[in-house]
Each structure stands twice: as C-alpha cells, then as structure tokens.
Amino acid sequence: MINSISEEMKEEIFRLILIPGIEVEDIPIQINQKFNSDLDHETIMKILSDEYMKYNLDFGRRLCCRF
C-alpha cells in the first residue's frame, strides 16, 4: 500500500503534519478527501515513521513531537 502512494500525496502529508493545530488523526481524512483515496491512520503513521528513520530528524524535532 505504501508503495502505491504518490509523491504528491506524501508531500501533502508532510505539509499537513507541520501545520500547528492539525492532529495526526485528521490527516487521513483530509488526504482522502483531496485525493479520493482510502488511506488509514496506520498507513500515515508508517509513512511518517519511515521518513523519520530515513532522515533521523531528532535534531529538528519536527516529526517526533507529533508522535
């Protein structure tokens, strides 16, 4: 499922996670409405954790503060 997610969807997920006030639980709803997809919370969390592990963003604290 994660392999079938487009780069545009991933960019939108990362943009939404950086906006203060938007909860992680709200992101699948907004993504599904915008892209007519059927992503769930677990898929979003998998994308975010993969990206976190890929770049090790500990020093930036952008994604880790949302978990």
Protein backbone atom coordinates (compact mmCIF):
# COMPACT_ATOMS: atom_id res chain seq x y z
CA MET A 1 0.00 0.00 0.00
CA ILE A 2 2.78 2.43 0.88
CA ASN A 3 4.47 1.82 -2.47
CA SER A 4 1.32 2.92 -4.30
CA ILE A 5 1.24 6.34 -2.62
CA SER A 6 2.33 9.12 -4.94
CA GLU A 7 4.98 11.67 -4.10
CA GLU A 8 2.32 14.37 -4.27
CA MET A 9 0.36 12.62 -1.52
CA LYS A 10 3.48 12.25 0.61
CA GLU A 11 4.29 15.93 0.21
CA GLU A 12 0.75 16.82 1.28
CA ILE A 13 1.07 14.57 4.35
CA PHE A 14 4.34 16.24 5.34
CA ARG A 15 2.84 19.69 4.75
CA LEU A 16 -0.13 18.87 6.95
CA ILE A 17 1.98 17.40 9.76
CA LEU A 18 3.92 20.64 10.03
CA ILE A 19 0.81 22.81 10.44
CA PRO A 20 0.13 23.55 14.11
CA GLY A 21 -3.33 22.52 15.24
CA ILE A 22 -3.81 19.65 12.81
CA GLU A 23 -3.83 16.30 14.59
CA VAL A 24 -2.32 13.16 13.07
CA GLU A 25 -5.78 11.53 13.23
CA ASP A 26 -7.19 14.28 10.97
CA ILE A 27 -4.61 13.84 8.21
CA PRO A 28 -6.13 10.68 6.61
CA ILE A 29 -9.50 12.42 6.39
CA GLN A 30 -8.03 15.43 4.59
CA ILE A 31 -5.84 13.31 2.30
CA ASN A 32 -8.74 11.03 1.38
CA GLN A 33 -10.96 13.99 0.53
CA LYS A 34 -8.31 15.71 -1.58
CA PHE A 35 -7.00 12.67 -3.49
CA ASN A 36 -10.06 10.34 -3.40
CA SER A 37 -8.02 7.62 -1.73
CA ASP A 38 -8.63 5.29 1.19
CA LEU A 39 -5.63 5.81 3.46
CA ASP A 40 -5.99 4.95 7.12
CA HIS A 41 -4.22 6.17 10.24
CA GLU A 42 -1.81 3.20 10.30
CA THR A 43 -0.59 3.92 6.76
CA ILE A 44 0.03 7.57 7.60
CA MET A 45 1.98 6.57 10.71
CA LYS A 46 4.04 4.08 8.66
CA ILE A 47 4.92 6.79 6.12
CA LEU A 48 5.92 9.21 8.88
CA SER A 49 7.98 6.62 10.76
CA ASP A 50 9.77 5.53 7.57
CA GLU A 51 10.61 9.14 6.79
CA TYR A 52 11.76 9.71 10.37
CA MET A 53 14.07 6.69 10.25
CA LYS A 54 15.32 7.64 6.78
CA TYR A 55 16.49 11.12 7.74
CA ASN A 56 16.86 10.83 11.55
CA LEU A 57 15.17 14.12 12.32
CA ASP A 58 15.95 14.11 16.06
CA PHE A 59 17.72 17.44 15.93
CA GLY A 60 14.85 19.16 14.09
CA ARG A 61 12.05 17.84 16.31
CA ARG A 62 9.52 18.41 13.52
CA LEU A 63 8.00 14.95 13.25
CA CYS A 64 8.97 13.40 16.56
CA CYS A 65 6.98 15.89 18.61
CA ARG A 66 3.76 14.72 16.90
CA PHE A 67 4.10 11.05 17.91
